[in-house]
Amino acid sequence: MKGLKSIICDTILGETGIKLTAKDLGIKFEADGVIVKLWDFEVLKMAIHGHKDTDTAEFAEDLLDALFEEYYDFREKVIELKLEDLNQRWRPLIIETITPILKKNKVSQSVLDVLDYEFVDMGYVKTPYSNPDEEEWGFPIFALRITDFEDLEYLHTIDAYSDLQKFDFDGLVKDFLKKIR
């Protein structure tokens, strides 16, 4: 199945500019079909008819055709799912880690109680692209947004490909404290 995943990841890179790894892509075969997932989110369920060997370029092409037919703008779907993955998987850890650091830095409980954390697409807010064609290629800029929905909004940019287990929490808190003090 590594060959199949590799073909799919390479094609998605060529079509969207987004580099996925075999770990990001899940392919599960069932008795009558196949389920394709990005991270933990199902993007395609397809019946298998007439394919004896599912680890071929022909089968990969059929899967890719179905994916690109299902989603008019597959790049947008990948971006949406990446944000969903970040928010479901990493947001709780970030809140658990940042809150004690903020308390230690004497941020009042009333402020901590109203803070909301969310990973967002900043591609429409902050554009580093040198030409408009680049805006439609690869991941946009992602950020962790911390807000109280009134006066405070702090955006900490992140690399969509980075390992968030190595996230610089102290640097984030330092920058956040500058914003609120």
N, C-alpha and C. Protein backbone atom coordinates (compact mmCIF):
# COMPACT_ATOMS: atom_id res chain seq x y z
N MET A 1 0.81 -1.19 0.00
CA MET A 1 0.00 0.00 0.00
C MET A 1 0.86 1.26 0.00
N LYS A 2 2.14 1.17 0.37
CA LYS A 2 3.00 2.34 0.35
C LYS A 2 3.11 2.92 -1.05
N GLY A 3 3.15 2.07 -2.06
CA GLY A 3 3.20 2.56 -3.43
C GLY A 3 1.96 3.35 -3.78
N LEU A 4 0.81 2.88 -3.37
CA LEU A 4 -0.45 3.56 -3.63
C LEU A 4 -0.48 4.91 -2.93
N LYS A 5 -0.11 4.94 -1.66
CA LYS A 5 -0.08 6.20 -0.91
C LYS A 5 0.91 7.18 -1.53
N SER A 6 2.05 6.69 -1.94
CA SER A 6 3.07 7.53 -2.55
C SER A 6 2.56 8.18 -3.83
N ILE A 7 1.90 7.41 -4.67
CA ILE A 7 1.35 7.93 -5.93
C ILE A 7 0.31 9.01 -5.63
N ILE A 8 -0.56 8.74 -4.67
CA ILE A 8 -1.61 9.71 -4.32
C ILE A 8 -1.01 10.98 -3.75
N CYS A 9 -0.06 10.85 -2.81
CA CYS A 9 0.58 12.03 -2.22
C CYS A 9 1.33 12.85 -3.27
N ASP A 10 2.04 12.18 -4.17
CA ASP A 10 2.77 12.89 -5.23
C ASP A 10 1.82 13.65 -6.16
N THR A 11 0.70 13.03 -6.49
CA THR A 11 -0.27 13.68 -7.38
C THR A 11 -0.92 14.87 -6.68
N ILE A 12 -1.26 14.73 -5.42
CA ILE A 12 -1.86 15.85 -4.67
C ILE A 12 -0.86 16.99 -4.58
N LEU A 13 0.41 16.69 -4.37
CA LEU A 13 1.43 17.74 -4.37
C LEU A 13 1.47 18.45 -5.71
N GLY A 14 1.45 17.69 -6.80
CA GLY A 14 1.50 18.27 -8.13
C GLY A 14 0.28 19.11 -8.48
N GLU A 15 -0.87 18.75 -7.92
CA GLU A 15 -2.11 19.47 -8.22
C GLU A 15 -2.39 20.65 -7.29
N THR A 16 -1.91 20.56 -6.04
CA THR A 16 -2.27 21.57 -5.05
C THR A 16 -1.09 22.32 -4.45
N GLY A 17 0.12 21.75 -4.58
CA GLY A 17 1.28 22.33 -3.94
C GLY A 17 1.39 21.96 -2.47
N ILE A 18 0.52 21.07 -2.01
CA ILE A 18 0.52 20.66 -0.60
C ILE A 18 1.18 19.29 -0.49
N LYS A 19 2.24 19.25 0.32
CA LYS A 19 2.98 18.00 0.49
C LYS A 19 2.38 17.21 1.66
N LEU A 20 1.75 16.12 1.30
CA LEU A 20 1.20 15.22 2.31
C LEU A 20 2.17 14.06 2.50
N THR A 21 2.13 13.47 3.66
CA THR A 21 2.95 12.28 3.92
C THR A 21 2.03 11.07 3.98
N ALA A 22 2.63 9.90 3.91
CA ALA A 22 1.85 8.66 4.02
C ALA A 22 1.11 8.62 5.36
N LYS A 23 1.67 9.26 6.38
CA LYS A 23 1.04 9.30 7.70
C LYS A 23 -0.24 10.15 7.68
N ASP A 24 -0.29 11.17 6.81
CA ASP A 24 -1.48 12.03 6.71
C ASP A 24 -2.63 11.34 6.00
N LEU A 25 -2.30 10.38 5.16
CA LEU A 25 -3.26 9.73 4.29
C LEU A 25 -3.59 8.34 4.80
N GLY A 26 -4.88 8.07 4.94
CA GLY A 26 -5.31 6.75 5.36
C GLY A 26 -6.11 6.08 4.25
N ILE A 27 -5.81 4.84 3.98
CA ILE A 27 -6.55 4.06 2.98
C ILE A 27 -6.95 2.75 3.65
N LYS A 28 -8.27 2.55 3.72
CA LYS A 28 -8.78 1.35 4.38
C LYS A 28 -9.64 0.58 3.39
N PHE A 29 -9.28 -0.66 3.17
CA PHE A 29 -10.04 -1.51 2.27
C PHE A 29 -11.09 -2.28 3.05
N GLU A 30 -12.29 -2.29 2.50
CA GLU A 30 -13.39 -3.06 3.07
C GLU A 30 -13.81 -4.09 2.03
N ALA A 31 -14.74 -4.93 2.39
CA ALA A 31 -15.15 -6.01 1.49
C ALA A 31 -15.60 -5.51 0.12
N ASP A 32 -16.29 -4.41 0.08
CA ASP A 32 -16.84 -3.94 -1.19
C ASP A 32 -16.31 -2.58 -1.64
N GLY A 33 -15.31 -2.06 -0.93
CA GLY A 33 -14.83 -0.74 -1.32
C GLY A 33 -13.60 -0.29 -0.56
N VAL A 34 -13.34 1.00 -0.71
CA VAL A 34 -12.18 1.61 -0.08
C VAL A 34 -12.60 2.95 0.52
N ILE A 35 -12.02 3.27 1.67
CA ILE A 35 -12.25 4.55 2.32
C ILE A 35 -10.91 5.28 2.35
N VAL A 36 -10.94 6.54 1.90
CA VAL A 36 -9.74 7.38 1.90
C VAL A 36 -9.94 8.46 2.96
N LYS A 37 -8.92 8.62 3.81
CA LYS A 37 -8.99 9.64 4.86
C LYS A 37 -7.77 10.54 4.77
N LEU A 38 -7.98 11.80 5.09
CA LEU A 38 -6.89 12.74 5.33
C LEU A 38 -6.93 13.04 6.81
N TRP A 39 -5.81 12.81 7.48
CA TRP A 39 -5.73 12.83 8.92
C TRP A 39 -6.78 11.84 9.41
N ASP A 40 -7.75 12.22 10.16
CA ASP A 40 -8.76 11.24 10.59
C ASP A 40 -10.11 11.49 9.93
N PHE A 41 -10.13 12.25 8.86
CA PHE A 41 -11.38 12.66 8.24
C PHE A 41 -11.60 11.96 6.91
N GLU A 42 -12.75 11.32 6.80
CA GLU A 42 -13.08 10.61 5.57
C GLU A 42 -13.33 11.61 4.44
N VAL A 43 -12.62 11.42 3.32
CA VAL A 43 -12.82 12.28 2.16
C VAL A 43 -13.43 11.54 0.98
N LEU A 44 -13.36 10.21 1.02
CA LEU A 44 -13.91 9.45 -0.09
C LEU A 44 -14.23 8.03 0.34
N LYS A 45 -15.38 7.56 -0.09
CA LYS A 45 -15.75 6.17 0.06
C LYS A 45 -16.12 5.71 -1.34
N MET A 46 -15.40 4.71 -1.84
CA MET A 46 -15.57 4.30 -3.23
C MET A 46 -15.70 2.78 -3.32
N ALA A 47 -16.65 2.35 -4.13
CA ALA A 47 -16.80 0.91 -4.38
C ALA A 47 -15.67 0.46 -5.31
N ILE A 48 -15.24 -0.75 -5.11
CA ILE A 48 -14.19 -1.32 -5.96
C ILE A 48 -14.84 -2.33 -6.90
N HIS A 49 -14.80 -2.02 -8.19
CA HIS A 49 -15.36 -2.92 -9.20
C HIS A 49 -14.28 -3.21 -10.24
N GLY A 50 -13.97 -4.45 -10.42
CA GLY A 50 -13.06 -4.84 -11.49
C GLY A 50 -11.58 -4.61 -11.23
N HIS A 51 -11.22 -4.20 -10.03
CA HIS A 51 -9.80 -4.01 -9.71
C HIS A 51 -9.30 -5.23 -8.96
N LYS A 52 -8.42 -5.97 -9.60
CA LYS A 52 -7.84 -7.13 -8.93
C LYS A 52 -6.67 -6.71 -8.04
N ASP A 53 -5.90 -5.76 -8.54
CA ASP A 53 -4.73 -5.29 -7.80
C ASP A 53 -4.94 -3.84 -7.41
N THR A 54 -5.08 -3.61 -6.12
CA THR A 54 -5.35 -2.25 -5.65
C THR A 54 -4.07 -1.46 -5.38
N ASP A 55 -2.92 -2.05 -5.60
CA ASP A 55 -1.65 -1.36 -5.38
C ASP A 55 -0.99 -1.01 -6.71
N THR A 56 -1.80 -0.48 -7.64
CA THR A 56 -1.28 -0.14 -8.96
C THR A 56 -1.51 1.33 -9.27
N ALA A 57 -0.80 1.82 -10.25
CA ALA A 57 -0.98 3.21 -10.70
C ALA A 57 -2.39 3.41 -11.25
N GLU A 58 -2.93 2.40 -11.90
CA GLU A 58 -4.28 2.51 -12.47
C GLU A 58 -5.32 2.70 -11.36
N PHE A 59 -5.19 1.92 -10.29
CA PHE A 59 -6.13 2.06 -9.17
C PHE A 59 -5.95 3.42 -8.49
N ALA A 60 -4.71 3.84 -8.32
CA ALA A 60 -4.43 5.16 -7.72
C ALA A 60 -5.07 6.26 -8.57
N GLU A 61 -4.97 6.14 -9.88
CA GLU A 61 -5.57 7.12 -10.77
C GLU A 61 -7.09 7.15 -10.62
N ASP A 62 -7.71 6.00 -10.49
CA ASP A 62 -9.15 5.94 -10.27
C ASP A 62 -9.54 6.62 -8.96
N LEU A 63 -8.77 6.37 -7.91
CA LEU A 63 -9.03 7.03 -6.63
C LEU A 63 -8.87 8.54 -6.74
N LEU A 64 -7.80 8.97 -7.38
CA LEU A 64 -7.55 10.41 -7.54
C LEU A 64 -8.63 11.07 -8.39
N ASP A 65 -9.04 10.42 -9.46
CA ASP A 65 -10.13 10.96 -10.28
C ASP A 65 -11.39 11.15 -9.44
N ALA A 66 -11.69 10.17 -8.61
CA ALA A 66 -12.88 10.26 -7.76
C ALA A 66 -12.75 11.38 -6.73
N LEU A 67 -11.55 11.54 -6.15
CA LEU A 67 -11.32 12.63 -5.19
C LEU A 67 -11.51 13.99 -5.84
N PHE A 68 -10.87 14.20 -6.99
CA PHE A 68 -10.95 15.50 -7.64
C PHE A 68 -12.33 15.75 -8.25
N GLU A 69 -13.07 14.69 -8.51
CA GLU A 69 -14.45 14.85 -8.98
C GLU A 69 -15.37 15.22 -7.81
N GLU A 70 -15.10 14.63 -6.66
CA GLU A 70 -15.91 14.87 -5.46
C GLU A 70 -15.77 16.31 -4.95
N TYR A 71 -14.56 16.84 -5.05
CA TYR A 71 -14.27 18.18 -4.52
C TYR A 71 -13.81 19.08 -5.65
N TYR A 72 -14.60 20.09 -5.94
CA TYR A 72 -14.27 21.03 -7.01
C TYR A 72 -12.89 21.64 -6.78
N ASP A 73 -12.64 22.08 -5.55
CA ASP A 73 -11.34 22.65 -5.20
C ASP A 73 -10.75 21.79 -4.09
N PHE A 74 -10.03 20.76 -4.48
CA PHE A 74 -9.50 19.82 -3.51
C PHE A 74 -8.49 20.48 -2.57
N ARG A 75 -7.76 21.47 -3.05
CA ARG A 75 -6.81 22.20 -2.20
C ARG A 75 -7.55 22.83 -1.02
N GLU A 76 -8.69 23.46 -1.28
CA GLU A 76 -9.47 24.07 -0.21
C GLU A 76 -9.93 23.02 0.79
N LYS A 77 -10.30 21.85 0.31
CA LYS A 77 -10.73 20.77 1.21
C LYS A 77 -9.58 20.32 2.10
N VAL A 78 -8.39 20.20 1.52
CA VAL A 78 -7.21 19.81 2.30
C VAL A 78 -6.92 20.86 3.38
N ILE A 79 -7.00 22.13 3.01
CA ILE A 79 -6.77 23.22 3.97
C ILE A 79 -7.81 23.16 5.10
N GLU A 80 -9.06 22.98 4.74
CA GLU A 80 -10.14 22.89 5.73
C GLU A 80 -9.88 21.74 6.70
N LEU A 81 -9.48 20.59 6.17
CA LEU A 81 -9.25 19.43 7.02
C LEU A 81 -8.00 19.59 7.87
N LYS A 82 -6.98 20.25 7.35
CA LYS A 82 -5.77 20.49 8.14
C LYS A 82 -6.10 21.39 9.33
N LEU A 83 -6.89 22.44 9.11
CA LEU A 83 -7.29 23.30 10.22
C LEU A 83 -8.12 22.52 11.24
N GLU A 84 -9.01 21.69 10.75
CA GLU A 84 -9.84 20.87 11.64
C GLU A 84 -8.94 19.94 12.47
N ASP A 85 -7.95 19.35 11.83
CA ASP A 85 -7.00 18.47 12.52
C ASP A 85 -6.23 19.24 13.59
N LEU A 86 -5.73 20.41 13.23
CA LEU A 86 -4.99 21.23 14.20
C LEU A 86 -5.87 21.57 15.41
N ASN A 87 -7.10 21.98 15.13
CA ASN A 87 -7.98 22.38 16.22
C ASN A 87 -8.41 21.21 17.09
N GLN A 88 -8.65 20.07 16.50
CA GLN A 88 -9.07 18.92 17.31
C GLN A 88 -7.91 18.28 18.06
N ARG A 89 -6.77 18.19 17.40
CA ARG A 89 -5.66 17.44 17.99
C ARG A 89 -4.75 18.30 18.87
N TRP A 90 -4.45 19.53 18.46
CA TRP A 90 -3.44 20.32 19.14
C TRP A 90 -3.99 21.42 20.04
N ARG A 91 -5.16 21.93 19.73
CA ARG A 91 -5.72 23.03 20.52
C ARG A 91 -5.84 22.69 22.01
N PRO A 92 -6.38 21.52 22.40
CA PRO A 92 -6.46 21.20 23.83
C PRO A 92 -5.09 21.19 24.53
N LEU A 93 -4.09 20.64 23.87
CA LEU A 93 -2.75 20.61 24.45
C LEU A 93 -2.20 22.02 24.63
N ILE A 94 -2.43 22.86 23.65
CA ILE A 94 -1.94 24.24 23.73
C ILE A 94 -2.61 24.98 24.88
N ILE A 95 -3.91 24.82 25.03
CA ILE A 95 -4.62 25.47 26.14
C ILE A 95 -4.09 24.97 27.48
N GLU A 96 -3.94 23.65 27.61
CA GLU A 96 -3.43 23.06 28.86
C GLU A 96 -2.03 23.54 29.19
N THR A 97 -1.23 23.81 28.17
CA THR A 97 0.16 24.22 28.38
C THR A 97 0.28 25.72 28.63
N ILE A 98 -0.48 26.50 27.88
CA ILE A 98 -0.36 27.96 27.96
C ILE A 98 -1.00 28.53 29.22
N THR A 99 -2.14 27.99 29.63
CA THR A 99 -2.86 28.55 30.77
C THR A 99 -2.01 28.63 32.04
N PRO A 100 -1.31 27.57 32.44
CA PRO A 100 -0.47 27.69 33.64
C PRO A 100 0.67 28.72 33.48
N ILE A 101 1.21 28.82 32.27
CA ILE A 101 2.28 29.81 32.04
C ILE A 101 1.71 31.22 32.17
N LEU A 102 0.50 31.44 31.64
CA LEU A 102 -0.13 32.75 31.78
C LEU A 102 -0.45 33.06 33.24
N LYS A 103 -0.92 32.06 33.99
CA LYS A 103 -1.20 32.25 35.42
C LYS A 103 0.08 32.62 36.16
N LYS A 104 1.17 31.93 35.83
CA LYS A 104 2.46 32.19 36.46
C LYS A 104 2.93 33.63 36.18
N ASN A 105 2.51 34.15 35.03
CA ASN A 105 2.86 35.53 34.66
C ASN A 105 1.79 36.53 35.09
N LYS A 106 0.97 36.12 36.04
CA LYS A 106 -0.01 36.98 36.70
C LYS A 106 -1.09 37.56 35.77
N VAL A 107 -1.50 36.78 34.79
CA VAL A 107 -2.66 37.16 33.98
C VAL A 107 -3.89 36.81 34.81
N SER A 108 -4.79 37.74 34.93
CA SER A 108 -5.94 37.55 35.82
C SER A 108 -6.85 36.42 35.34
N GLN A 109 -7.50 35.79 36.29
CA GLN A 109 -8.41 34.69 35.98
C GLN A 109 -9.57 35.17 35.11
N SER A 110 -10.00 36.41 35.30
CA SER A 110 -11.11 36.93 34.49
C SER A 110 -10.71 37.02 33.01
N VAL A 111 -9.46 37.33 32.73
CA VAL A 111 -8.98 37.35 31.34
C VAL A 111 -8.86 35.92 30.82
N LEU A 112 -8.28 35.04 31.62
CA LEU A 112 -8.11 33.64 31.21
C LEU A 112 -9.46 32.98 30.90
N ASP A 113 -10.48 33.33 31.66
CA ASP A 113 -11.81 32.73 31.47
C ASP A 113 -12.45 33.07 30.13
N VAL A 114 -12.10 34.20 29.55
CA VAL A 114 -12.76 34.62 28.30
C VAL A 114 -11.92 34.35 27.06
N LEU A 115 -10.71 33.89 27.22
CA LEU A 115 -9.86 33.66 26.06
C LEU A 115 -10.34 32.46 25.24
N ASP A 116 -10.28 32.62 23.95
CA ASP A 116 -10.63 31.55 23.01
C ASP A 116 -9.41 31.29 22.14
N TYR A 117 -9.13 30.04 21.89
CA TYR A 117 -7.98 29.63 21.10
C TYR A 117 -8.49 28.89 19.86
N GLU A 118 -7.92 29.23 18.71
CA GLU A 118 -8.33 28.54 17.48
C GLU A 118 -7.24 28.71 16.42
N PHE A 119 -6.99 27.63 15.69
CA PHE A 119 -6.11 27.72 14.54
C PHE A 119 -6.93 28.26 13.37
N VAL A 120 -6.37 29.24 12.66
CA VAL A 120 -7.09 29.90 11.57
C VAL A 120 -6.20 30.01 10.33
N ASP A 121 -6.86 30.21 9.21
CA ASP A 121 -6.21 30.47 7.92
C ASP A 121 -6.01 31.97 7.81
N MET A 122 -4.78 32.40 7.77
CA MET A 122 -4.49 33.84 7.66
C MET A 122 -4.21 34.26 6.22
N GLY A 123 -4.38 33.37 5.29
CA GLY A 123 -4.07 33.68 3.91
C GLY A 123 -4.78 34.89 3.37
N TYR A 124 -5.94 35.19 3.94
CA TYR A 124 -6.70 36.34 3.47
C TYR A 124 -6.39 37.60 4.27
N VAL A 125 -5.71 37.44 5.40
CA VAL A 125 -5.39 38.57 6.26
C VAL A 125 -3.98 39.08 5.97
N LYS A 126 -3.06 38.16 5.89
CA LYS A 126 -1.65 38.49 5.73
C LYS A 126 -1.13 37.68 4.54
N THR A 127 -0.74 38.35 3.50
CA THR A 127 -0.34 37.65 2.28
C THR A 127 1.15 37.87 2.01
N PRO A 128 1.95 36.81 2.09
CA PRO A 128 3.38 36.95 1.82
C PRO A 128 3.73 36.66 0.36
N TYR A 129 2.71 36.45 -0.46
CA TYR A 129 2.95 35.99 -1.81
C TYR A 129 3.42 37.13 -2.70
N SER A 130 4.34 36.81 -3.59
CA SER A 130 4.87 37.82 -4.50
C SER A 130 3.99 37.99 -5.74
N ASN A 131 3.17 36.98 -6.05
CA ASN A 131 2.23 37.13 -7.15
C ASN A 131 0.95 36.35 -6.84
N PRO A 132 -0.17 36.73 -7.47
CA PRO A 132 -1.46 36.11 -7.15
C PRO A 132 -1.53 34.60 -7.39
N ASP A 133 -0.75 34.08 -8.33
CA ASP A 133 -0.78 32.64 -8.60
C ASP A 133 -0.31 31.83 -7.39
N GLU A 134 0.62 32.39 -6.61
CA GLU A 134 1.14 31.68 -5.45
C GLU A 134 0.07 31.50 -4.37
N GLU A 135 -0.93 32.38 -4.35
CA GLU A 135 -1.97 32.28 -3.34
C GLU A 135 -2.79 31.01 -3.49
N GLU A 136 -2.79 30.42 -4.65
CA GLU A 136 -3.55 29.21 -4.92
C GLU A 136 -2.67 27.97 -4.91
N TRP A 137 -1.55 28.03 -4.20
CA TRP A 137 -0.59 26.94 -4.22
C TRP A 137 -0.12 26.66 -2.80
N GLY A 138 -0.16 25.42 -2.40
CA GLY A 138 0.33 25.03 -1.09
C GLY A 138 -0.60 25.47 0.03
N PHE A 139 -0.10 25.34 1.24
CA PHE A 139 -0.88 25.78 2.40
C PHE A 139 -0.78 27.30 2.51
N PRO A 140 -1.85 27.95 2.94
CA PRO A 140 -1.76 29.37 3.26
C PRO A 140 -1.05 29.52 4.60
N ILE A 141 -0.94 30.73 5.07
CA ILE A 141 -0.37 30.96 6.40
C ILE A 141 -1.42 30.57 7.43
N PHE A 142 -1.02 29.73 8.37
CA PHE A 142 -1.89 29.36 9.48
C PHE A 142 -1.40 30.08 10.73
N ALA A 143 -2.32 30.32 11.66
CA ALA A 143 -1.95 30.96 12.91
C ALA A 143 -2.81 30.41 14.03
N LEU A 144 -2.25 30.46 15.22
CA LEU A 144 -3.04 30.23 16.42
C LEU A 144 -3.57 31.60 16.83
N ARG A 145 -4.89 31.71 16.85
CA ARG A 145 -5.51 32.98 17.25
C ARG A 145 -5.97 32.84 18.69
N ILE A 146 -5.60 33.84 19.49
CA ILE A 146 -6.06 33.93 20.87
C ILE A 146 -6.85 35.23 20.95
N THR A 147 -8.10 35.13 21.37
CA THR A 147 -8.95 36.31 21.37
C THR A 147 -9.92 36.28 22.54
N ASP A 148 -10.41 37.47 22.89
CA ASP A 148 -11.51 37.57 23.84
C ASP A 148 -12.79 38.00 23.13
N PHE A 149 -12.73 38.09 21.81
CA PHE A 149 -13.83 38.48 20.92
C PHE A 149 -14.27 39.93 21.11
N GLU A 150 -13.50 40.71 21.85
CA GLU A 150 -13.85 42.13 22.02
C GLU A 150 -12.66 43.01 21.67
N ASP A 151 -11.71 43.10 22.59
CA ASP A 151 -10.59 44.02 22.42
C ASP A 151 -9.30 43.34 22.01
N LEU A 152 -9.19 42.09 22.30
CA LEU A 152 -7.92 41.39 22.14
C LEU A 152 -7.97 40.38 21.01
N GLU A 153 -6.98 40.46 20.13
CA GLU A 153 -6.79 39.41 19.14
C GLU A 153 -5.29 39.30 18.89
N TYR A 154 -4.77 38.14 19.19
CA TYR A 154 -3.35 37.87 18.99
C TYR A 154 -3.23 36.71 18.02
N LEU A 155 -2.39 36.87 17.01
CA LEU A 155 -2.17 35.82 16.01
C LEU A 155 -0.71 35.39 16.05
N HIS A 156 -0.49 34.12 16.26
CA HIS A 156 0.86 33.56 16.29
C HIS A 156 0.98 32.61 15.11
N THR A 157 1.74 33.01 14.09
CA THR A 157 1.82 32.19 12.88
C THR A 157 2.54 30.88 13.16
N ILE A 158 2.11 29.86 12.43
CA ILE A 158 2.73 28.54 12.54
C ILE A 158 2.98 28.00 11.14
N ASP A 159 3.89 27.07 11.07
CA ASP A 159 4.17 26.37 9.83
C ASP A 159 3.29 25.13 9.81
N ALA A 160 2.47 25.01 8.77
CA ALA A 160 1.53 23.88 8.68
C ALA A 160 2.25 22.53 8.66
N TYR A 161 3.50 22.53 8.29
CA TYR A 161 4.26 21.27 8.22
C TYR A 161 5.05 20.99 9.49
N SER A 162 5.04 21.92 10.44
CA SER A 162 5.88 21.75 11.63
C SER A 162 5.30 20.73 12.60
N ASP A 163 6.16 20.23 13.44
CA ASP A 163 5.77 19.31 14.49
C ASP A 163 5.37 20.15 15.70
N LEU A 164 4.10 20.19 16.01
CA LEU A 164 3.63 21.05 17.09
C LEU A 164 4.02 20.54 18.47
N GLN A 165 4.59 19.35 18.54
CA GLN A 165 5.11 18.88 19.82
C GLN A 165 6.35 19.69 20.21
N LYS A 166 6.94 20.36 19.23
CA LYS A 166 8.12 21.20 19.48
C LYS A 166 7.74 22.68 19.50
N PHE A 167 6.48 22.97 19.73
CA PHE A 167 5.95 24.33 19.73
C PHE A 167 6.63 25.17 20.81
N ASP A 168 6.97 26.41 20.50
CA ASP A 168 7.63 27.32 21.43
C ASP A 168 6.58 28.04 22.28
N PHE A 169 6.12 27.37 23.32
CA PHE A 169 5.08 27.94 24.18
C PHE A 169 5.57 29.19 24.91
N ASP A 170 6.81 29.15 25.39
CA ASP A 170 7.33 30.30 26.12
C ASP A 170 7.42 31.53 25.23
N GLY A 171 7.86 31.34 23.98
CA GLY A 171 7.93 32.46 23.03
C GLY A 171 6.55 33.01 22.72
N LEU A 172 5.59 32.12 22.55
CA LEU A 172 4.22 32.55 22.29
C LEU A 172 3.70 33.37 23.47
N VAL A 173 3.88 32.88 24.69
CA VAL A 173 3.39 33.60 25.88
C VAL A 173 4.08 34.95 26.00
N LYS A 174 5.37 34.99 25.75
CA LYS A 174 6.12 36.25 25.83
C LYS A 174 5.52 37.28 24.87
N ASP A 175 5.27 36.87 23.63
CA ASP A 175 4.68 37.78 22.64
C ASP A 175 3.25 38.15 23.01
N PHE A 176 2.50 37.20 23.52
CA PHE A 176 1.11 37.45 23.91
C PHE A 176 1.06 38.45 25.06
N LEU A 177 1.95 38.29 26.02
CA LEU A 177 1.98 39.22 27.17
C LEU A 177 2.29 40.65 26.72
N LYS A 178 3.14 40.81 25.72
CA LYS A 178 3.42 42.15 25.18
C LYS A 178 2.14 42.77 24.62
N LYS A 179 1.30 41.94 24.05
CA LYS A 179 0.06 42.41 23.44
C LYS A 179 -0.96 42.87 24.48
N ILE A 180 -1.02 42.18 25.62
CA ILE A 180 -2.05 42.51 26.60
C ILE A 180 -1.59 43.47 27.68
N ARG A 181 -0.32 43.77 27.73
CA ARG A 181 0.17 44.68 28.80
C ARG A 181 0.54 46.02 28.25
